[in-house]
Structure formats: C-alpha cells, structure tokens
Amino acid sequence: RTILDMINEMRTSDYDAWCWNETNTKKDAYFGDALTYDYDL
C-alpha cells in the first residue's frame, strides 16, 4: 500500500510526469490526477 504515494508523487510532479514518444525524440508530458486506492482492485 505504500506504493500508492510513490505513484501519485510521480503523476503530480512537473518533473517526473513524462514518457518518451514512439520515436524517442521527445518527452511527452502526462497530466493526470492522483489515483485513489481501490480495495476491490
């Protein structure tokens, strides 16, 4: 359960929320909200 905070720290960070595009020429920014922990999942 401690991993939830690690994920959300990355999702909400201006520095860490990115992935390479398919041609590996640009870092695409990802803008997402913090995830909620789901006890069914």
All heavy atoms as atom14 arrays in JSON, in Angstrom:
{
  "sequence": "RTILDMINEMRTSDYDAWCWNETNTKKDAYFGDALTYDYDL",
  "atom14_mask": [
    [1, 1, 1, 1, 1, 1, 1, 1, 1, 1, 1, 0, 0, 0],
    [1, 1, 1, 1, 1, 1, 1, 0, 0, 0, 0, 0, 0, 0],
    [1, 1, 1, 1, 1, 1, 1, 1, 0, 0, 0, 0, 0, 0],
    [1, 1, 1, 1, 1, 1, 1, 1, 0, 0, 0, 0, 0, 0],
    [1, 1, 1, 1, 1, 1, 1, 1, 0, 0, 0, 0, 0, 0],
    [1, 1, 1, 1, 1, 1, 1, 1, 0, 0, 0, 0, 0, 0],
    [1, 1, 1, 1, 1, 1, 1, 1, 0, 0, 0, 0, 0, 0],
    [1, 1, 1, 1, 1, 1, 1, 1, 0, 0, 0, 0, 0, 0],
    [1, 1, 1, 1, 1, 1, 1, 1, 1, 0, 0, 0, 0, 0],
    [1, 1, 1, 1, 1, 1, 1, 1, 0, 0, 0, 0, 0, 0],
    [1, 1, 1, 1, 1, 1, 1, 1, 1, 1, 1, 0, 0, 0],
    [1, 1, 1, 1, 1, 1, 1, 0, 0, 0, 0, 0, 0, 0],
    [1, 1, 1, 1, 1, 1, 0, 0, 0, 0, 0, 0, 0, 0],
    [1, 1, 1, 1, 1, 1, 1, 1, 0, 0, 0, 0, 0, 0],
    [1, 1, 1, 1, 1, 1, 1, 1, 1, 1, 1, 1, 0, 0],
    [1, 1, 1, 1, 1, 1, 1, 1, 0, 0, 0, 0, 0, 0],
    [1, 1, 1, 1, 1, 0, 0, 0, 0, 0, 0, 0, 0, 0],
    [1, 1, 1, 1, 1, 1, 1, 1, 1, 1, 1, 1, 1, 1],
    [1, 1, 1, 1, 1, 1, 0, 0, 0, 0, 0, 0, 0, 0],
    [1, 1, 1, 1, 1, 1, 1, 1, 1, 1, 1, 1, 1, 1],
    [1, 1, 1, 1, 1, 1, 1, 1, 0, 0, 0, 0, 0, 0],
    [1, 1, 1, 1, 1, 1, 1, 1, 1, 0, 0, 0, 0, 0],
    [1, 1, 1, 1, 1, 1, 1, 0, 0, 0, 0, 0, 0, 0],
    [1, 1, 1, 1, 1, 1, 1, 1, 0, 0, 0, 0, 0, 0],
    [1, 1, 1, 1, 1, 1, 1, 0, 0, 0, 0, 0, 0, 0],
    [1, 1, 1, 1, 1, 1, 1, 1, 1, 0, 0, 0, 0, 0],
    [1, 1, 1, 1, 1, 1, 1, 1, 1, 0, 0, 0, 0, 0],
    [1, 1, 1, 1, 1, 1, 1, 1, 0, 0, 0, 0, 0, 0],
    [1, 1, 1, 1, 1, 0, 0, 0, 0, 0, 0, 0, 0, 0],
    [1, 1, 1, 1, 1, 1, 1, 1, 1, 1, 1, 1, 0, 0],
    [1, 1, 1, 1, 1, 1, 1, 1, 1, 1, 1, 0, 0, 0],
    [1, 1, 1, 1, 0, 0, 0, 0, 0, 0, 0, 0, 0, 0],
    [1, 1, 1, 1, 1, 1, 1, 1, 0, 0, 0, 0, 0, 0],
    [1, 1, 1, 1, 1, 0, 0, 0, 0, 0, 0, 0, 0, 0],
    [1, 1, 1, 1, 1, 1, 1, 1, 0, 0, 0, 0, 0, 0],
    [1, 1, 1, 1, 1, 1, 1, 0, 0, 0, 0, 0, 0, 0],
    [1, 1, 1, 1, 1, 1, 1, 1, 1, 1, 1, 1, 0, 0],
    [1, 1, 1, 1, 1, 1, 1, 1, 0, 0, 0, 0, 0, 0],
    [1, 1, 1, 1, 1, 1, 1, 1, 1, 1, 1, 1, 0, 0],
    [1, 1, 1, 1, 1, 1, 1, 1, 0, 0, 0, 0, 0, 0],
    [1, 1, 1, 1, 1, 1, 1, 1, 0, 0, 0, 0, 0, 0]
  ],
  "atom14_positions": [
    [[0.81, -1.22, 0.0], [0.0, 0.0, 0.0], [0.84, 1.27, 0.0], [0.35, 2.34, -0.39], [-0.95, -0.01, 1.2], [-2.06, -1.05, 1.09], [-2.92, -1.11, 2.33], [-3.99, -2.11, 2.19], [-4.88, -2.39, 3.13], [-4.84, -1.76, 4.3], [-5.81, -3.31, 2.92], [0.0, 0.0, 0.0], [0.0, 0.0, 0.0], [0.0, 0.0, 0.0]],
    [[2.1, 1.17, 0.4], [2.95, 2.36, 0.42], [3.3, 2.83, -1.0], [3.74, 3.97, -1.19], [4.25, 2.1, 1.2], [5.02, 1.1, 0.51], [3.96, 1.63, 2.61], [0.0, 0.0, 0.0], [0.0, 0.0, 0.0], [0.0, 0.0, 0.0], [0.0, 0.0, 0.0], [0.0, 0.0, 0.0], [0.0, 0.0, 0.0], [0.0, 0.0, 0.0]],
    [[3.11, 1.97, -1.97], [3.46, 2.34, -3.35], [2.49, 3.38, -3.91], [2.85, 4.15, -4.82], [3.48, 1.07, -4.24], [4.6, 0.12, -3.76], [3.68, 1.43, -5.71], [4.66, -1.19, -4.53], [0.0, 0.0, 0.0], [0.0, 0.0, 0.0], [0.0, 0.0, 0.0], [0.0, 0.0, 0.0], [0.0, 0.0, 0.0], [0.0, 0.0, 0.0]],
    [[1.27, 3.45, -3.38], [0.3, 4.44, -3.86], [0.88, 5.85, -3.82], [0.78, 6.61, -4.81], [-0.98, 4.39, -3.03], [-2.01, 5.49, -3.35], [-2.56, 5.31, -4.76], [-3.13, 5.49, -2.31], [0.0, 0.0, 0.0], [0.0, 0.0, 0.0], [0.0, 0.0, 0.0], [0.0, 0.0, 0.0], [0.0, 0.0, 0.0], [0.0, 0.0, 0.0]],
    [[1.49, 6.23, -2.71], [2.06, 7.58, -2.59], [3.2, 7.79, -3.59], [3.38, 8.91, -4.12], [2.57, 7.81, -1.17], [1.44, 7.93, -0.16], [0.3, 8.25, -0.59], [1.69, 7.71, 1.04], [0.0, 0.0, 0.0], [0.0, 0.0, 0.0], [0.0, 0.0, 0.0], [0.0, 0.0, 0.0], [0.0, 0.0, 0.0], [0.0, 0.0, 0.0]],
    [[3.97, 6.74, -3.87], [5.06, 6.85, -4.84], [4.51, 7.11, -6.24], [5.06, 7.92, -7.0], [5.91, 5.58, -4.82], [6.5, 5.22, -3.48], [7.44, 3.67, -3.55], [7.57, 3.25, -1.81], [0.0, 0.0, 0.0], [0.0, 0.0, 0.0], [0.0, 0.0, 0.0], [0.0, 0.0, 0.0], [0.0, 0.0, 0.0], [0.0, 0.0, 0.0]],
    [[3.43, 6.42, -6.58], [2.82, 6.62, -7.9], [2.27, 8.03, -8.02], [2.52, 8.74, -9.02], [1.68, 5.6, -8.13], [2.22, 4.18, -8.14], [0.95, 5.89, -9.44], [1.13, 3.11, -8.17], [0.0, 0.0, 0.0], [0.0, 0.0, 0.0], [0.0, 0.0, 0.0], [0.0, 0.0, 0.0], [0.0, 0.0, 0.0], [0.0, 0.0, 0.0]],
    [[1.55, 8.46, -7.02], [0.92, 9.79, -7.08], [1.95, 10.91, -7.05], [1.73, 11.99, -7.65], [-0.08, 9.95, -5.94], [-1.36, 9.18, -6.19], [-1.71, 8.91, -7.35], [-2.06, 8.81, -5.12], [0.0, 0.0, 0.0], [0.0, 0.0, 0.0], [0.0, 0.0, 0.0], [0.0, 0.0, 0.0], [0.0, 0.0, 0.0], [0.0, 0.0, 0.0]],
    [[3.06, 10.68, -6.39], [4.12, 11.69, -6.4], [4.64, 11.88, -7.82], [4.91, 13.02, -8.25], [5.25, 11.25, -5.47], [6.39, 12.26, -5.38], [7.49, 11.8, -4.45], [7.33, 10.76, -3.77], [8.53, 12.49, -4.39], [0.0, 0.0, 0.0], [0.0, 0.0, 0.0], [0.0, 0.0, 0.0], [0.0, 0.0, 0.0], [0.0, 0.0, 0.0]],
    [[4.77, 10.8, -8.57], [5.22, 10.9, -9.95], [4.14, 11.49, -10.86], [4.42, 12.33, -11.72], [5.65, 9.52, -10.47], [6.2, 9.55, -11.89], [6.92, 7.99, -12.44], [5.47, 6.96, -12.53], [0.0, 0.0, 0.0], [0.0, 0.0, 0.0], [0.0, 0.0, 0.0], [0.0, 0.0, 0.0], [0.0, 0.0, 0.0], [0.0, 0.0, 0.0]],
    [[2.88, 11.08, -10.67], [1.79, 11.56, -11.53], [1.56, 13.07, -11.39], [1.16, 13.74, -12.36], [0.49, 10.83, -11.17], [0.41, 9.41, -11.69], [-0.86, 8.72, -11.19], [-2.06, 9.3, -11.79], [-2.68, 8.84, -12.89], [-2.19, 7.79, -13.54], [-3.77, 9.43, -13.34], [0.0, 0.0, 0.0], [0.0, 0.0, 0.0], [0.0, 0.0, 0.0]],
    [[1.8, 13.6, -10.23], [1.51, 15.02, -9.98], [2.75, 15.9, -10.05], [2.69, 17.1, -9.76], [0.85, 15.19, -8.6], [1.71, 14.64, -7.59], [-0.49, 14.47, -8.56], [0.0, 0.0, 0.0], [0.0, 0.0, 0.0], [0.0, 0.0, 0.0], [0.0, 0.0, 0.0], [0.0, 0.0, 0.0], [0.0, 0.0, 0.0], [0.0, 0.0, 0.0]],
    [[3.88, 15.32, -10.43], [5.14, 16.08, -10.49], [5.32, 16.71, -11.87], [5.13, 16.06, -12.9], [6.32, 15.15, -10.18], [7.54, 15.78, -10.47], [0.0, 0.0, 0.0], [0.0, 0.0, 0.0], [0.0, 0.0, 0.0], [0.0, 0.0, 0.0], [0.0, 0.0, 0.0], [0.0, 0.0, 0.0], [0.0, 0.0, 0.0], [0.0, 0.0, 0.0]],
    [[5.72, 17.95, -11.9], [6.01, 18.63, -13.17], [7.28, 18.06, -13.81], [7.46, 18.16, -15.03], [6.2, 20.14, -12.94], [4.91, 20.82, -12.51], [3.83, 20.29, -12.83], [4.98, 21.88, -11.84], [0.0, 0.0, 0.0], [0.0, 0.0, 0.0], [0.0, 0.0, 0.0], [0.0, 0.0, 0.0], [0.0, 0.0, 0.0], [0.0, 0.0, 0.0]],
    [[8.11, 17.47, -12.99], [9.4, 16.98, -13.49], [9.32, 15.52, -13.92], [9.92, 15.12, -14.92], [10.46, 17.15, -12.4], [11.82, 16.62, -12.78], [12.66, 17.34, -13.63], [12.25, 15.39, -12.28], [13.91, 16.84, -13.99], [13.5, 14.88, -12.63], [14.32, 15.6, -13.49], [15.56, 15.11, -13.84], [0.0, 0.0, 0.0], [0.0, 0.0, 0.0]],
    [[8.58, 14.68, -13.17], [8.58, 13.24, -13.41], [7.46, 12.73, -14.31], [7.53, 11.6, -14.8], [8.48, 12.49, -12.06], [9.76, 12.61, -11.25], [10.85, 12.69, -11.87], [9.67, 12.62, -10.01], [0.0, 0.0, 0.0], [0.0, 0.0, 0.0], [0.0, 0.0, 0.0], [0.0, 0.0, 0.0], [0.0, 0.0, 0.0], [0.0, 0.0, 0.0]],
    [[6.41, 13.51, -14.53], [5.24, 13.01, -15.27], [5.47, 13.12, -16.78], [4.87, 13.96, -17.47], [3.99, 13.77, -14.84], [0.0, 0.0, 0.0], [0.0, 0.0, 0.0], [0.0, 0.0, 0.0], [0.0, 0.0, 0.0], [0.0, 0.0, 0.0], [0.0, 0.0, 0.0], [0.0, 0.0, 0.0], [0.0, 0.0, 0.0], [0.0, 0.0, 0.0]],
    [[6.3, 12.26, -17.32], [6.61, 12.27, -18.75], [6.93, 10.86, -19.24], [7.3, 9.99, -18.47], [7.81, 13.19, -19.05], [9.08, 12.7, -18.37], [9.54, 13.06, -17.16], [10.01, 11.75, -18.9], [10.71, 12.39, -16.84], [11.02, 11.58, -17.92], [10.1, 11.03, -20.08], [12.1, 10.72, -18.09], [11.18, 10.16, -20.26], [12.18, 10.02, -19.27]],
    [[6.84, 10.63, -20.52], [7.28, 9.4, -21.19], [7.81, 9.78, -22.58], [7.4, 10.78, -23.18], [6.12, 8.43, -21.37], [5.52, 7.69, -19.85], [0.0, 0.0, 0.0], [0.0, 0.0, 0.0], [0.0, 0.0, 0.0], [0.0, 0.0, 0.0], [0.0, 0.0, 0.0], [0.0, 0.0, 0.0], [0.0, 0.0, 0.0], [0.0, 0.0, 0.0]],
    [[8.69, 8.96, -23.09], [9.2, 9.19, -24.44], [8.1, 8.95, -25.46], [7.23, 8.1, -25.27], [10.36, 8.25, -24.75], [11.67, 8.64, -24.09], [12.27, 8.01, -23.05], [12.52, 9.72, -24.46], [13.45, 8.63, -22.72], [13.63, 9.7, -23.57], [12.45, 10.73, -25.42], [14.65, 10.63, -23.64], [13.49, 11.66, -25.5], [14.57, 11.61, -24.61]],
    [[8.17, 9.71, -26.57], [7.25, 9.43, -27.67], [7.75, 8.19, -28.43], [8.83, 7.67, -28.14], [7.09, 10.63, -28.6], [8.4, 11.02, -29.27], [9.41, 10.32, -29.18], [8.4, 12.17, -29.96], [0.0, 0.0, 0.0], [0.0, 0.0, 0.0], [0.0, 0.0, 0.0], [0.0, 0.0, 0.0], [0.0, 0.0, 0.0], [0.0, 0.0, 0.0]],
    [[6.98, 7.72, -29.4], [7.31, 6.47, -30.08], [8.61, 6.53, -30.85], [9.22, 5.49, -31.12], [6.15, 6.08, -31.0], [4.87, 5.72, -30.26], [3.81, 5.16, -31.17], [4.17, 4.44, -32.13], [2.63, 5.43, -30.93], [0.0, 0.0, 0.0], [0.0, 0.0, 0.0], [0.0, 0.0, 0.0], [0.0, 0.0, 0.0], [0.0, 0.0, 0.0]],
    [[9.04, 7.71, -31.22], [10.29, 7.84, -31.97], [11.48, 8.18, -31.07], [12.61, 8.36, -31.56], [10.15, 8.93, -33.05], [9.83, 10.18, -32.42], [9.07, 8.55, -34.05], [0.0, 0.0, 0.0], [0.0, 0.0, 0.0], [0.0, 0.0, 0.0], [0.0, 0.0, 0.0], [0.0, 0.0, 0.0], [0.0, 0.0, 0.0], [0.0, 0.0, 0.0]],
    [[11.21, 8.23, -29.75], [12.26, 8.55, -28.77], [12.94, 9.88, -29.04], [14.14, 10.06, -28.76], [13.31, 7.42, -28.73], [12.72, 6.11, -28.26], [12.01, 6.06, -27.27], [13.04, 5.04, -28.99], [0.0, 0.0, 0.0], [0.0, 0.0, 0.0], [0.0, 0.0, 0.0], [0.0, 0.0, 0.0], [0.0, 0.0, 0.0], [0.0, 0.0, 0.0]],
    [[12.18, 10.85, -29.6], [12.74, 12.18, -29.89], [12.21, 13.26, -28.97], [12.72, 14.37, -28.94], [12.4, 12.57, -31.35], [10.98, 12.55, -31.52], [13.08, 11.62, -32.32], [0.0, 0.0, 0.0], [0.0, 0.0, 0.0], [0.0, 0.0, 0.0], [0.0, 0.0, 0.0], [0.0, 0.0, 0.0], [0.0, 0.0, 0.0], [0.0, 0.0, 0.0]],
    [[11.17, 12.92, -28.2], [10.55, 13.94, -27.35], [9.95, 13.3, -26.11], [9.39, 12.2, -26.17], [9.45, 14.65, -28.14], [8.7, 15.71, -27.35], [7.56, 16.29, -28.18], [6.76, 17.3, -27.37], [5.59, 17.81, -28.14], [0.0, 0.0, 0.0], [0.0, 0.0, 0.0], [0.0, 0.0, 0.0], [0.0, 0.0, 0.0], [0.0, 0.0, 0.0]],
    [[10.05, 14.0, -25.0], [9.41, 13.55, -23.77], [8.02, 14.17, -23.71], [7.88, 15.39, -23.57], [10.23, 13.96, -22.54], [11.55, 13.23, -22.4], [12.28, 13.66, -21.13], [13.59, 12.9, -20.96], [14.32, 13.29, -19.73], [0.0, 0.0, 0.0], [0.0, 0.0, 0.0], [0.0, 0.0, 0.0], [0.0, 0.0, 0.0], [0.0, 0.0, 0.0]],
    [[7.02, 13.31, -23.83], [5.64, 13.79, -23.77], [5.21, 13.92, -22.32], [5.41, 13.02, -21.5], [4.7, 12.81, -24.47], [4.88, 12.81, -25.98], [5.38, 13.83, -26.51], [4.56, 11.78, -26.61], [0.0, 0.0, 0.0], [0.0, 0.0, 0.0], [0.0, 0.0, 0.0], [0.0, 0.0, 0.0], [0.0, 0.0, 0.0], [0.0, 0.0, 0.0]],
    [[4.6, 15.06, -22.04], [4.1, 15.3, -20.67], [2.77, 14.57, -20.47], [1.94, 14.51, -21.37], [3.93, 16.79, -20.44], [0.0, 0.0, 0.0], [0.0, 0.0, 0.0], [0.0, 0.0, 0.0], [0.0, 0.0, 0.0], [0.0, 0.0, 0.0], [0.0, 0.0, 0.0], [0.0, 0.0, 0.0], [0.0, 0.0, 0.0], [0.0, 0.0, 0.0]],
    [[2.63, 14.0, -19.28], [1.38, 13.32, -18.91], [0.75, 14.11, -17.78], [1.38, 14.38, -16.76], [1.67, 11.88, -18.45], [1.81, 10.89, -19.58], [2.83, 10.98, -20.52], [0.9, 9.84, -19.72], [2.96, 10.08, -21.54], [1.01, 8.92, -20.75], [2.06, 9.05, -21.66], [2.17, 8.15, -22.69], [0.0, 0.0, 0.0], [0.0, 0.0, 0.0]],
    [[-0.5, 14.48, -17.98], [-1.19, 15.26, -16.96], [-2.35, 14.42, -16.42], [-3.36, 14.21, -17.1], [-1.71, 16.57, -17.55], [-0.62, 17.43, -18.1], [-0.36, 17.44, -19.47], [0.17, 18.2, -17.27], [0.65, 18.22, -19.99], [1.2, 18.98, -17.79], [1.44, 19.0, -19.15], [0.0, 0.0, 0.0], [0.0, 0.0, 0.0], [0.0, 0.0, 0.0]],
    [[-2.17, 13.89, -15.23], [-3.2, 13.06, -14.63], [-3.38, 13.43, -13.17], [-2.47, 13.94, -12.51], [0.0, 0.0, 0.0], [0.0, 0.0, 0.0], [0.0, 0.0, 0.0], [0.0, 0.0, 0.0], [0.0, 0.0, 0.0], [0.0, 0.0, 0.0], [0.0, 0.0, 0.0], [0.0, 0.0, 0.0], [0.0, 0.0, 0.0], [0.0, 0.0, 0.0]],
    [[-4.55, 13.13, -12.66], [-4.81, 13.37, -11.24], [-4.25, 12.22, -10.41], [-3.91, 11.14, -10.92], [-6.32, 13.47, -11.0], [-6.93, 14.68, -11.71], [-6.23, 15.7, -11.83], [-8.11, 14.56, -12.14], [0.0, 0.0, 0.0], [0.0, 0.0, 0.0], [0.0, 0.0, 0.0], [0.0, 0.0, 0.0], [0.0, 0.0, 0.0], [0.0, 0.0, 0.0]],
    [[-4.16, 12.47, -9.11], [-3.72, 11.41, -8.2], [-4.73, 10.25, -8.24], [-5.93, 10.46, -8.37], [-3.59, 11.96, -6.79], [0.0, 0.0, 0.0], [0.0, 0.0, 0.0], [0.0, 0.0, 0.0], [0.0, 0.0, 0.0], [0.0, 0.0, 0.0], [0.0, 0.0, 0.0], [0.0, 0.0, 0.0], [0.0, 0.0, 0.0], [0.0, 0.0, 0.0]],
    [[-4.21, 9.04, -8.15], [-5.07, 7.86, -8.14], [-5.65, 7.62, -6.75], [-5.04, 7.95, -5.73], [-4.27, 6.63, -8.56], [-3.67, 6.62, -9.97], [-2.84, 5.37, -10.17], [-4.76, 6.74, -11.02], [0.0, 0.0, 0.0], [0.0, 0.0, 0.0], [0.0, 0.0, 0.0], [0.0, 0.0, 0.0], [0.0, 0.0, 0.0], [0.0, 0.0, 0.0]],
    [[-6.84, 7.05, -6.73], [-7.48, 6.65, -5.48], [-7.23, 5.16, -5.26], [-7.28, 4.38, -6.21], [-9.0, 6.92, -5.53], [-9.22, 8.32, -5.76], [-9.67, 6.5, -4.23], [0.0, 0.0, 0.0], [0.0, 0.0, 0.0], [0.0, 0.0, 0.0], [0.0, 0.0, 0.0], [0.0, 0.0, 0.0], [0.0, 0.0, 0.0], [0.0, 0.0, 0.0]],
    [[-6.97, 4.8, -4.01], [-6.74, 3.38, -3.73], [-8.08, 2.66, -3.68], [-8.99, 3.05, -2.93], [-6.0, 3.19, -2.41], [-5.32, 1.85, -2.32], [-4.1, 1.64, -2.96], [-5.89, 0.78, -1.63], [-3.46, 0.4, -2.9], [-5.26, -0.45, -1.56], [-4.04, -0.64, -2.22], [-3.42, -1.86, -2.17], [0.0, 0.0, 0.0], [0.0, 0.0, 0.0]],
    [[-8.19, 1.58, -4.49], [-9.44, 0.84, -4.61], [-9.24, -0.54, -3.97], [-8.42, -1.34, -4.42], [-9.82, 0.69, -6.09], [-11.21, 0.12, -6.28], [-11.6, -0.8, -5.52], [-11.91, 0.58, -7.2], [0.0, 0.0, 0.0], [0.0, 0.0, 0.0], [0.0, 0.0, 0.0], [0.0, 0.0, 0.0], [0.0, 0.0, 0.0], [0.0, 0.0, 0.0]],
    [[-10.01, -0.81, -2.91], [-9.83, -2.06, -2.17], [-10.43, -3.26, -2.91], [-10.08, -4.41, -2.61], [-10.38, -1.92, -0.76], [-9.52, -0.97, 0.05], [-9.81, 0.4, 0.09], [-8.4, -1.42, 0.72], [-9.0, 1.28, 0.79], [-7.59, -0.55, 1.43], [-7.89, 0.81, 1.45], [-7.07, 1.67, 2.14], [0.0, 0.0, 0.0], [0.0, 0.0, 0.0]],
    [[-11.31, -3.01, -3.88], [-11.73, -4.1, -4.77], [-10.57, -4.52, -5.67], [-10.32, -5.72, -5.87], [-12.91, -3.66, -5.65], [-14.21, -3.53, -4.88], [-14.31, -4.12, -3.78], [-15.13, -2.84, -5.37], [0.0, 0.0, 0.0], [0.0, 0.0, 0.0], [0.0, 0.0, 0.0], [0.0, 0.0, 0.0], [0.0, 0.0, 0.0], [0.0, 0.0, 0.0]],
    [[-9.87, -3.53, -6.21], [-8.73, -3.84, -7.07], [-7.58, -4.47, -6.29], [-6.83, -5.27, -6.83], [-8.24, -2.57, -7.78], [-9.22, -1.87, -8.73], [-8.5, -0.78, -9.53], [-9.92, -2.85, -9.65], [0.0, 0.0, 0.0], [0.0, 0.0, 0.0], [0.0, 0.0, 0.0], [0.0, 0.0, 0.0], [0.0, 0.0, 0.0], [0.0, 0.0, 0.0]]
  ]
}
